[in-house]
Every structure is written in C-alpha cells, then in structure tokens.
Amino acid sequence: MVCVTSCQFSINVNGELAGYFQGGRGLRQADPLSTYLFVLCIKILSRLFCKTSANQHFKFHWRCKKDKICHLCFADDLMILSKGDVNSIHMIRNVLTEFQDLYQNPNKSDIFLSGSLGVEREQIIRILRFREGELPMKYLGVPLISSRLKAV
C-alpha cells in the first residue's frame, strides 16, 4: 500500500524532469503499475488460501480433494472451491475479510452452490454475503454445470 499511497510523480518536459507532485488518489485504471500490484495481491491471496486449506477443519470439494485444490485464478477472476460445510465457509470468509482491504468487490461476486439445500444453503449465503448465481452458466465460453459434460 505504501507504493500506492506515498508515490510522487514528475513530468518530463523536453527531456528534463520538471518538479514532483504527490499522488492523491492511488492507482487508476490503465496505470502501468496496476498489473504488477494486482499480481502481488493475488499471490498473497493464494498463499492465504493455501494456508487455510492446510487446516484440518477445512473440507475440500470432493472433486478437488485428491489434488488439494481450493482456488483457481485466471486473469482477474477467482474461483474458490470447497465443501459447503459451515466451518469451511467461515474459513473462506476469514481469508476474504483479511484480503478485502487490498482487493475485493462483493458486488461483482457470485456464489454457486451444488447439492446444498434449504437451511444450509441460506447459512452459506449469509456467511459469505454474495449473491447466488445459477448453474448452468458460461465462463469464457465454456459451460459450467453441476452435472457431467457429455459429447454430442
């Protein structure tokens, strides 16, 4: 955050630096530094999830248990994968809460639940405070569904 909040800028006029001024609003879209800072932030988030998934109370999604996959990052998207039990969801919420000062937009976040019913489903949504998305959906043109994909 020091890189973003305490930076100074200078203007190059005819090949000469012409004074310094304090940055006032942090990074802006298309700032050349934003991509590097984003990668550093995602690396921190990834380590937080790896640390959390090593806890014995965290339960992996049944398809991810063997390979111990709890999250996937692609560009500026993040998929968090876990069993839908309350302990695991609280642990995910703790990571997101710790991380939210750096980067998180709950208005752009959805939760997709498969196999959770009634009270458990409502409890998970209440803990994470994300809107519920619906399957099937497409991500980068690929259908995401809760059942098996079949060749047609």
N, C-alpha and C. Protein backbone atom coordinates (compact mmCIF):
# COMPACT_ATOMS: atom_id res chain seq x y z
N MET A 1 0.83 -1.20 0.00
CA MET A 1 0.00 0.00 0.00
C MET A 1 0.86 1.25 0.00
N VAL A 2 2.08 1.17 0.55
CA VAL A 2 2.97 2.33 0.55
C VAL A 2 3.28 2.75 -0.88
N CYS A 3 3.44 1.77 -1.78
CA CYS A 3 3.71 2.09 -3.19
C CYS A 3 2.59 2.91 -3.80
N VAL A 4 1.38 2.68 -3.36
CA VAL A 4 0.22 3.34 -3.95
C VAL A 4 -0.07 4.68 -3.26
N THR A 5 0.08 4.73 -1.96
CA THR A 5 -0.36 5.92 -1.22
C THR A 5 0.72 6.97 -1.00
N SER A 6 1.99 6.62 -1.20
CA SER A 6 3.03 7.61 -0.92
C SER A 6 3.87 7.94 -2.14
N CYS A 7 3.34 7.70 -3.31
CA CYS A 7 4.12 7.93 -4.52
C CYS A 7 4.16 9.40 -4.91
N GLN A 8 5.22 9.74 -5.62
CA GLN A 8 5.36 11.09 -6.18
C GLN A 8 5.55 10.95 -7.69
N PHE A 9 5.08 11.94 -8.43
CA PHE A 9 5.17 11.93 -9.88
C PHE A 9 5.97 13.13 -10.35
N SER A 10 6.57 12.98 -11.51
CA SER A 10 7.28 14.08 -12.14
C SER A 10 6.89 14.09 -13.61
N ILE A 11 6.88 15.25 -14.19
CA ILE A 11 6.54 15.38 -15.60
C ILE A 11 7.83 15.61 -16.39
N ASN A 12 7.94 14.91 -17.51
CA ASN A 12 9.10 15.04 -18.38
C ASN A 12 8.77 16.07 -19.46
N VAL A 13 9.48 17.20 -19.43
CA VAL A 13 9.26 18.26 -20.41
C VAL A 13 10.55 18.46 -21.19
N ASN A 14 10.50 18.21 -22.49
CA ASN A 14 11.66 18.32 -23.37
C ASN A 14 12.87 17.55 -22.83
N GLY A 15 12.62 16.35 -22.33
CA GLY A 15 13.70 15.51 -21.85
C GLY A 15 14.20 15.84 -20.46
N GLU A 16 13.61 16.82 -19.79
CA GLU A 16 14.02 17.22 -18.44
C GLU A 16 12.86 16.98 -17.47
N LEU A 17 13.18 16.48 -16.27
CA LEU A 17 12.16 16.32 -15.25
C LEU A 17 11.81 17.69 -14.68
N ALA A 18 10.52 17.98 -14.63
CA ALA A 18 10.06 19.31 -14.20
C ALA A 18 9.28 19.19 -12.89
N GLY A 19 9.98 19.04 -11.77
CA GLY A 19 9.34 19.05 -10.45
C GLY A 19 8.59 17.77 -10.13
N TYR A 20 8.22 17.65 -8.86
CA TYR A 20 7.50 16.50 -8.36
C TYR A 20 6.17 16.93 -7.77
N PHE A 21 5.19 16.07 -7.82
CA PHE A 21 3.94 16.31 -7.12
C PHE A 21 3.46 15.00 -6.52
N GLN A 22 2.73 15.13 -5.44
CA GLN A 22 2.25 13.98 -4.67
C GLN A 22 1.05 13.34 -5.37
N GLY A 23 1.03 12.01 -5.42
CA GLY A 23 -0.14 11.31 -5.93
C GLY A 23 -1.25 11.41 -4.90
N GLY A 24 -2.46 11.65 -5.34
CA GLY A 24 -3.53 11.88 -4.39
C GLY A 24 -4.59 10.79 -4.33
N ARG A 25 -4.72 9.95 -5.36
CA ARG A 25 -5.85 9.02 -5.39
C ARG A 25 -5.44 7.58 -5.61
N GLY A 26 -4.16 7.26 -5.49
CA GLY A 26 -3.74 5.87 -5.67
C GLY A 26 -3.72 5.48 -7.13
N LEU A 27 -3.82 4.19 -7.39
CA LEU A 27 -3.77 3.68 -8.76
C LEU A 27 -5.07 3.96 -9.49
N ARG A 28 -4.94 4.13 -10.78
CA ARG A 28 -6.10 4.30 -11.64
C ARG A 28 -6.08 3.22 -12.70
N GLN A 29 -7.22 3.01 -13.31
CA GLN A 29 -7.30 2.03 -14.38
C GLN A 29 -6.30 2.39 -15.47
N ALA A 30 -5.62 1.40 -16.02
CA ALA A 30 -4.62 1.53 -17.08
C ALA A 30 -3.29 2.07 -16.56
N ASP A 31 -3.14 2.24 -15.26
CA ASP A 31 -1.85 2.62 -14.70
C ASP A 31 -0.90 1.45 -14.93
N PRO A 32 0.31 1.69 -15.47
CA PRO A 32 1.22 0.59 -15.76
C PRO A 32 1.62 -0.22 -14.51
N LEU A 33 1.55 0.39 -13.36
CA LEU A 33 1.92 -0.30 -12.12
C LEU A 33 0.80 -1.22 -11.62
N SER A 34 -0.44 -0.99 -12.06
CA SER A 34 -1.57 -1.73 -11.51
C SER A 34 -1.49 -3.23 -11.78
N THR A 35 -1.02 -3.65 -12.94
CA THR A 35 -0.91 -5.07 -13.26
C THR A 35 0.05 -5.77 -12.31
N TYR A 36 1.18 -5.15 -12.03
CA TYR A 36 2.17 -5.76 -11.14
C TYR A 36 1.64 -5.84 -9.71
N LEU A 37 0.98 -4.79 -9.27
CA LEU A 37 0.42 -4.81 -7.92
C LEU A 37 -0.70 -5.84 -7.82
N PHE A 38 -1.49 -5.99 -8.88
CA PHE A 38 -2.55 -6.99 -8.88
C PHE A 38 -1.95 -8.39 -8.73
N VAL A 39 -0.89 -8.68 -9.47
CA VAL A 39 -0.25 -9.99 -9.39
C VAL A 39 0.28 -10.24 -7.98
N LEU A 40 0.89 -9.24 -7.37
CA LEU A 40 1.38 -9.38 -6.00
C LEU A 40 0.23 -9.64 -5.03
N CYS A 41 -0.87 -8.93 -5.21
CA CYS A 41 -2.03 -9.12 -4.33
C CYS A 41 -2.62 -10.51 -4.48
N ILE A 42 -2.74 -10.99 -5.70
CA ILE A 42 -3.30 -12.32 -5.94
C ILE A 42 -2.36 -13.39 -5.36
N LYS A 43 -1.07 -13.15 -5.42
CA LYS A 43 -0.12 -14.09 -4.82
C LYS A 43 -0.34 -14.17 -3.31
N ILE A 44 -0.58 -13.03 -2.69
CA ILE A 44 -0.87 -13.01 -1.25
C ILE A 44 -2.16 -13.78 -0.97
N LEU A 45 -3.19 -13.51 -1.75
CA LEU A 45 -4.47 -14.22 -1.57
C LEU A 45 -4.29 -15.72 -1.75
N SER A 46 -3.53 -16.12 -2.74
CA SER A 46 -3.30 -17.53 -2.99
C SER A 46 -2.61 -18.18 -1.79
N ARG A 47 -1.65 -17.51 -1.22
CA ARG A 47 -0.96 -18.06 -0.04
C ARG A 47 -1.90 -18.15 1.16
N LEU A 48 -2.78 -17.16 1.30
CA LEU A 48 -3.75 -17.23 2.40
C LEU A 48 -4.67 -18.44 2.23
N PHE A 49 -5.13 -18.70 1.01
CA PHE A 49 -5.98 -19.86 0.77
C PHE A 49 -5.22 -21.16 0.98
N CYS A 50 -3.98 -21.23 0.56
CA CYS A 50 -3.18 -22.45 0.77
C CYS A 50 -2.99 -22.71 2.26
N LYS A 51 -2.73 -21.66 3.00
CA LYS A 51 -2.56 -21.81 4.45
C LYS A 51 -3.86 -22.28 5.09
N THR A 52 -4.96 -21.71 4.67
CA THR A 52 -6.27 -22.08 5.20
C THR A 52 -6.62 -23.52 4.86
N SER A 53 -6.35 -23.93 3.64
CA SER A 53 -6.71 -25.28 3.22
C SER A 53 -5.88 -26.35 3.93
N ALA A 54 -4.76 -25.96 4.52
CA ALA A 54 -3.94 -26.91 5.28
C ALA A 54 -4.53 -27.18 6.67
N ASN A 55 -5.49 -26.35 7.09
CA ASN A 55 -6.15 -26.55 8.37
C ASN A 55 -7.01 -27.81 8.30
N GLN A 56 -6.97 -28.62 9.34
CA GLN A 56 -7.71 -29.89 9.34
C GLN A 56 -9.23 -29.70 9.29
N HIS A 57 -9.72 -28.52 9.65
CA HIS A 57 -11.17 -28.27 9.64
C HIS A 57 -11.68 -27.81 8.27
N PHE A 58 -10.75 -27.49 7.35
CA PHE A 58 -11.17 -27.10 6.00
C PHE A 58 -11.46 -28.36 5.21
N LYS A 59 -12.60 -28.39 4.54
CA LYS A 59 -13.00 -29.55 3.74
C LYS A 59 -13.00 -29.16 2.25
N PHE A 60 -12.24 -29.91 1.48
CA PHE A 60 -12.15 -29.68 0.04
C PHE A 60 -13.43 -30.15 -0.66
N HIS A 61 -13.72 -29.54 -1.80
CA HIS A 61 -14.76 -30.05 -2.69
C HIS A 61 -14.35 -31.48 -3.05
N TRP A 62 -15.30 -32.37 -3.15
CA TRP A 62 -14.97 -33.79 -3.34
C TRP A 62 -14.17 -34.05 -4.62
N ARG A 63 -14.35 -33.24 -5.65
CA ARG A 63 -13.60 -33.42 -6.90
C ARG A 63 -12.19 -32.83 -6.81
N CYS A 64 -11.93 -32.02 -5.79
CA CYS A 64 -10.65 -31.33 -5.65
C CYS A 64 -9.80 -31.88 -4.51
N LYS A 65 -10.36 -32.79 -3.76
CA LYS A 65 -9.70 -33.30 -2.55
C LYS A 65 -8.35 -33.98 -2.85
N LYS A 66 -8.32 -34.82 -3.85
CA LYS A 66 -7.11 -35.57 -4.19
C LYS A 66 -5.95 -34.63 -4.51
N ASP A 67 -6.21 -33.59 -5.30
CA ASP A 67 -5.16 -32.66 -5.71
C ASP A 67 -5.04 -31.45 -4.78
N LYS A 68 -5.91 -31.40 -3.76
CA LYS A 68 -5.92 -30.31 -2.76
C LYS A 68 -6.03 -28.93 -3.41
N ILE A 69 -6.99 -28.82 -4.32
CA ILE A 69 -7.25 -27.55 -5.00
C ILE A 69 -8.37 -26.83 -4.25
N CYS A 70 -8.09 -25.63 -3.77
CA CYS A 70 -9.13 -24.86 -3.07
C CYS A 70 -9.46 -23.57 -3.80
N HIS A 71 -8.64 -23.18 -4.78
CA HIS A 71 -8.94 -21.97 -5.54
C HIS A 71 -8.23 -22.02 -6.89
N LEU A 72 -8.81 -21.31 -7.84
CA LEU A 72 -8.23 -21.17 -9.17
C LEU A 72 -8.29 -19.70 -9.55
N CYS A 73 -7.20 -19.18 -10.09
CA CYS A 73 -7.15 -17.78 -10.54
C CYS A 73 -6.92 -17.77 -12.05
N PHE A 74 -7.65 -16.92 -12.72
CA PHE A 74 -7.44 -16.70 -14.14
C PHE A 74 -7.71 -15.23 -14.43
N ALA A 75 -6.69 -14.53 -14.92
CA ALA A 75 -6.78 -13.09 -15.15
C ALA A 75 -7.26 -12.42 -13.86
N ASP A 76 -8.37 -11.73 -13.89
CA ASP A 76 -8.84 -11.08 -12.66
C ASP A 76 -10.03 -11.82 -12.05
N ASP A 77 -10.16 -13.10 -12.37
CA ASP A 77 -11.23 -13.93 -11.81
C ASP A 77 -10.66 -14.91 -10.79
N LEU A 78 -11.46 -15.22 -9.80
CA LEU A 78 -11.07 -16.16 -8.76
C LEU A 78 -12.22 -17.12 -8.52
N MET A 79 -11.92 -18.41 -8.53
CA MET A 79 -12.90 -19.44 -8.17
C MET A 79 -12.42 -20.08 -6.88
N ILE A 80 -13.28 -20.10 -5.89
CA ILE A 80 -12.97 -20.73 -4.61
C ILE A 80 -13.78 -22.01 -4.55
N LEU A 81 -13.12 -23.11 -4.28
CA LEU A 81 -13.76 -24.42 -4.31
C LEU A 81 -13.64 -25.05 -2.93
N SER A 82 -14.77 -25.48 -2.37
CA SER A 82 -14.74 -26.17 -1.08
C SER A 82 -16.02 -26.97 -0.92
N LYS A 83 -16.01 -27.81 0.11
CA LYS A 83 -17.24 -28.46 0.51
C LYS A 83 -18.11 -27.37 1.14
N GLY A 84 -19.40 -27.51 1.04
CA GLY A 84 -20.30 -26.48 1.54
C GLY A 84 -20.64 -26.61 3.02
N ASP A 85 -19.65 -26.94 3.85
CA ASP A 85 -19.93 -27.03 5.29
C ASP A 85 -19.61 -25.68 5.95
N VAL A 86 -20.25 -25.42 7.06
CA VAL A 86 -20.16 -24.11 7.71
C VAL A 86 -18.73 -23.76 8.12
N ASN A 87 -17.96 -24.72 8.64
CA ASN A 87 -16.57 -24.44 9.04
C ASN A 87 -15.72 -23.97 7.86
N SER A 88 -15.81 -24.66 6.75
CA SER A 88 -15.04 -24.29 5.56
C SER A 88 -15.45 -22.91 5.06
N ILE A 89 -16.74 -22.64 5.06
CA ILE A 89 -17.24 -21.35 4.58
C ILE A 89 -16.77 -20.22 5.49
N HIS A 90 -16.78 -20.45 6.80
CA HIS A 90 -16.25 -19.43 7.72
C HIS A 90 -14.76 -19.19 7.46
N MET A 91 -14.03 -20.23 7.18
CA MET A 91 -12.60 -20.08 6.91
C MET A 91 -12.38 -19.28 5.62
N ILE A 92 -13.19 -19.54 4.61
CA ILE A 92 -13.10 -18.77 3.36
C ILE A 92 -13.43 -17.31 3.64
N ARG A 93 -14.49 -17.07 4.41
CA ARG A 93 -14.88 -15.70 4.76
C ARG A 93 -13.74 -14.98 5.49
N ASN A 94 -13.05 -15.68 6.38
CA ASN A 94 -11.92 -15.07 7.11
C ASN A 94 -10.81 -14.65 6.16
N VAL A 95 -10.51 -15.49 5.18
CA VAL A 95 -9.48 -15.13 4.19
C VAL A 95 -9.93 -13.90 3.40
N LEU A 96 -11.17 -13.89 2.94
CA LEU A 96 -11.67 -12.76 2.16
C LEU A 96 -11.72 -11.48 2.99
N THR A 97 -12.06 -11.60 4.27
CA THR A 97 -12.09 -10.44 5.15
C THR A 97 -10.68 -9.89 5.34
N GLU A 98 -9.71 -10.76 5.54
CA GLU A 98 -8.32 -10.33 5.69
C GLU A 98 -7.82 -9.68 4.42
N PHE A 99 -8.28 -10.15 3.30
CA PHE A 99 -7.82 -9.68 2.00
C PHE A 99 -8.57 -8.46 1.48
N GLN A 100 -9.75 -8.19 1.98
CA GLN A 100 -10.62 -7.18 1.36
C GLN A 100 -10.06 -5.78 1.35
N ASP A 101 -9.14 -5.46 2.26
CA ASP A 101 -8.54 -4.13 2.24
C ASP A 101 -7.68 -3.94 1.00
N LEU A 102 -7.14 -5.03 0.45
CA LEU A 102 -6.33 -4.93 -0.75
C LEU A 102 -7.18 -4.92 -2.00
N TYR A 103 -8.12 -5.87 -2.07
CA TYR A 103 -8.88 -6.01 -3.31
C TYR A 103 -10.05 -6.94 -3.11
N GLN A 104 -11.23 -6.45 -3.33
CA GLN A 104 -12.41 -7.32 -3.37
C GLN A 104 -13.61 -6.46 -3.69
N ASN A 105 -14.46 -6.94 -4.55
CA ASN A 105 -15.68 -6.24 -4.88
C ASN A 105 -16.85 -7.21 -4.74
N PRO A 106 -17.51 -7.21 -3.56
CA PRO A 106 -18.60 -8.16 -3.36
C PRO A 106 -19.76 -7.95 -4.33
N ASN A 107 -19.88 -6.76 -4.90
CA ASN A 107 -20.96 -6.51 -5.88
C ASN A 107 -20.72 -7.27 -7.18
N LYS A 108 -19.48 -7.68 -7.43
CA LYS A 108 -19.16 -8.44 -8.64
C LYS A 108 -18.93 -9.92 -8.34
N SER A 109 -19.29 -10.35 -7.14
CA SER A 109 -19.02 -11.72 -6.71
C SER A 109 -20.31 -12.52 -6.62
N ASP A 110 -20.27 -13.73 -7.13
CA ASP A 110 -21.40 -14.65 -7.07
C ASP A 110 -20.96 -15.93 -6.38
N ILE A 111 -21.92 -16.61 -5.80
CA ILE A 111 -21.66 -17.93 -5.21
C ILE A 111 -22.53 -18.94 -5.95
N PHE A 112 -21.92 -20.06 -6.30
CA PHE A 112 -22.63 -21.13 -6.99
C PHE A 112 -22.62 -22.35 -6.09
N LEU A 113 -23.78 -22.82 -5.75
CA LEU A 113 -23.91 -23.95 -4.82
C LEU A 113 -24.49 -25.14 -5.56
N SER A 114 -23.91 -26.29 -5.30
CA SER A 114 -24.40 -27.52 -5.90
C SER A 114 -24.56 -28.55 -4.80
N GLY A 115 -25.76 -29.02 -4.59
CA GLY A 115 -26.01 -30.04 -3.59
C GLY A 115 -26.35 -29.52 -2.22
N SER A 116 -26.28 -28.22 -2.00
CA SER A 116 -26.66 -27.65 -0.70
C SER A 116 -28.14 -27.35 -0.72
N LEU A 117 -28.82 -27.68 0.35
CA LEU A 117 -30.27 -27.49 0.39
C LEU A 117 -30.69 -26.63 1.57
N GLY A 118 -31.81 -25.94 1.42
CA GLY A 118 -32.52 -25.26 2.49
C GLY A 118 -31.70 -24.41 3.43
N VAL A 119 -31.72 -24.79 4.71
CA VAL A 119 -31.09 -24.02 5.77
C VAL A 119 -29.58 -23.89 5.54
N GLU A 120 -28.95 -24.97 5.14
CA GLU A 120 -27.51 -24.96 4.89
C GLU A 120 -27.17 -23.96 3.79
N ARG A 121 -27.95 -23.95 2.73
CA ARG A 121 -27.76 -23.04 1.60
C ARG A 121 -27.88 -21.59 2.06
N GLU A 122 -28.92 -21.28 2.81
CA GLU A 122 -29.13 -19.92 3.32
C GLU A 122 -28.01 -19.49 4.26
N GLN A 123 -27.55 -20.42 5.07
CA GLN A 123 -26.47 -20.15 6.01
C GLN A 123 -25.18 -19.78 5.26
N ILE A 124 -24.85 -20.51 4.21
CA ILE A 124 -23.66 -20.24 3.42
C ILE A 124 -23.75 -18.87 2.76
N ILE A 125 -24.89 -18.55 2.18
CA ILE A 125 -25.08 -17.25 1.52
C ILE A 125 -24.98 -16.12 2.54
N ARG A 126 -25.55 -16.33 3.72
CA ARG A 126 -25.49 -15.31 4.77
C ARG A 126 -24.05 -15.08 5.25
N ILE A 127 -23.27 -16.13 5.38
CA ILE A 127 -21.89 -16.01 5.84
C ILE A 127 -21.04 -15.25 4.82
N LEU A 128 -21.14 -15.63 3.55
CA LEU A 128 -20.29 -15.03 2.52
C LEU A 128 -20.81 -13.69 2.00
N ARG A 129 -22.11 -13.46 2.11
CA ARG A 129 -22.73 -12.21 1.66
C ARG A 129 -22.52 -11.94 0.17
N PHE A 130 -22.57 -13.00 -0.63
CA PHE A 130 -22.53 -12.87 -2.08
C PHE A 130 -23.90 -13.21 -2.63
N ARG A 131 -24.21 -12.67 -3.80
CA ARG A 131 -25.47 -13.07 -4.43
C ARG A 131 -25.30 -14.47 -5.00
N GLU A 132 -26.41 -15.19 -5.07
CA GLU A 132 -26.37 -16.56 -5.57
C GLU A 132 -26.51 -16.58 -7.08
N GLY A 133 -25.54 -17.19 -7.73
CA GLY A 133 -25.58 -17.38 -9.17
C GLY A 133 -26.29 -18.68 -9.50
N GLU A 134 -26.62 -18.87 -10.75
CA GLU A 134 -27.34 -20.08 -11.16
C GLU A 134 -26.53 -20.86 -12.19
N LEU A 135 -26.51 -22.18 -12.01
CA LEU A 135 -25.92 -23.06 -12.99
C LEU A 135 -27.03 -23.62 -13.87
N PRO A 136 -26.85 -23.88 -15.11
CA PRO A 136 -25.59 -23.74 -15.84
C PRO A 136 -25.31 -22.27 -16.20
N MET A 137 -24.04 -21.98 -16.39
CA MET A 137 -23.60 -20.66 -16.84
C MET A 137 -22.39 -20.87 -17.73
N LYS A 138 -21.98 -19.83 -18.42
CA LYS A 138 -20.79 -19.92 -19.25
C LYS A 138 -19.70 -19.04 -18.66
N TYR A 139 -18.48 -19.59 -18.62
CA TYR A 139 -17.31 -18.85 -18.20
C TYR A 139 -16.30 -18.94 -19.33
N LEU A 140 -15.96 -17.80 -19.91
CA LEU A 140 -15.05 -17.74 -21.06
C LEU A 140 -15.52 -18.65 -22.19
N GLY A 141 -16.85 -18.73 -22.37
CA GLY A 141 -17.43 -19.50 -23.45
C GLY A 141 -17.60 -20.98 -23.15
N VAL A 142 -17.13 -21.43 -21.99
CA VAL A 142 -17.24 -22.85 -21.62
C VAL A 142 -18.40 -23.01 -20.64
N PRO A 143 -19.30 -23.94 -20.91
CA PRO A 143 -20.42 -24.12 -19.98
C PRO A 143 -19.96 -24.72 -18.65
N LEU A 144 -20.41 -24.14 -17.57
CA LEU A 144 -20.18 -24.70 -16.23
C LEU A 144 -21.50 -25.23 -15.76
N ILE A 145 -21.53 -26.52 -15.45
CA ILE A 145 -22.76 -27.16 -14.99
C ILE A 145 -22.44 -28.03 -13.78
N SER A 146 -23.46 -28.41 -13.05
CA SER A 146 -23.25 -29.23 -11.87
C SER A 146 -23.25 -30.72 -12.20
N SER A 147 -23.59 -31.08 -13.42
CA SER A 147 -23.56 -32.49 -13.82
C SER A 147 -22.40 -32.70 -14.80
N ARG A 148 -22.27 -33.89 -15.27
CA ARG A 148 -21.18 -34.23 -16.16
C ARG A 148 -21.39 -33.64 -17.57
N LEU A 149 -20.29 -33.16 -18.18
CA LEU A 149 -20.36 -32.72 -19.58
C LEU A 149 -20.38 -33.96 -20.48
N LYS A 150 -21.16 -33.89 -21.53
CA LYS A 150 -21.26 -35.02 -22.45
C LYS A 150 -20.96 -34.57 -23.87
N ALA A 151 -20.28 -35.41 -24.62
CA ALA A 151 -20.02 -35.12 -26.03
C ALA A 151 -21.31 -35.34 -26.81
N VAL A 152 -21.60 -34.42 -27.71
CA VAL A 152 -22.80 -34.56 -28.54
C VAL A 152 -22.45 -34.76 -29.98
